[in-house]
Amino acid sequence: MDKNLEYEPVRGAHILMIVNPVSGRIGGEHTADKLEAWLKENGAAVDRFETTETENGSGYTAKLAENDYARVVVLGGDGTLNAVLNGMLHRALRTPITYLPAGTTNDFAQTLGIDDFSGKDFGALLTCELQRQDIGRIRSWSPASGSGEAAVEYYDQTLSVGIDAAI
């Protein structure tokens, strides 16, 4: 049997890949290189963007509105995933996300029971069933901002206030 037939959901798909190249324990950039090559070998068109000190991934989600992406692949830690989710939800975008945990703690992945990702089996991660995830929304106001308007932020797992949020 042709191994590519196992990965039919990838064939012909246009994928937005957002990578934190310096994330966590597994070396985000190296794993992203392997994933990008695997996706292309299996017939996907891939647009890859890497986070930087000034772009956490949120801004790249604007490309979802400009192109017909089948999914967003996020390879990074909790912070990268949160930035991408915020970027998408602030733009009211609902493109499916495949999250490949590559951070230091990967709290979100642990909560969902996703094992540490080592890049051994991309097919299993990219062909699984979609699952809906509850997302929280909070409006906060800071007198220091001077605008008088509340800021809206989304969160996927944990909302912290006080000392915990400051750490």
Foldseek 3Di string as FASTA:
>chain_A
DPPLVLQVVLAAFEEEEEWAQPAADQGTVVLVVVVVVVSVVSHYHYDYDYADPVRLQLVVCVVVVVDPGQEYEYEHAQSSVQSVVQSCVVVPHDRHYQYQHHHHPRPVCVVVPNDHDNNPPVRVRNPDDGDDADKDKDWADDVVVVPPGTDIGIHRDDDDDDPVVVD
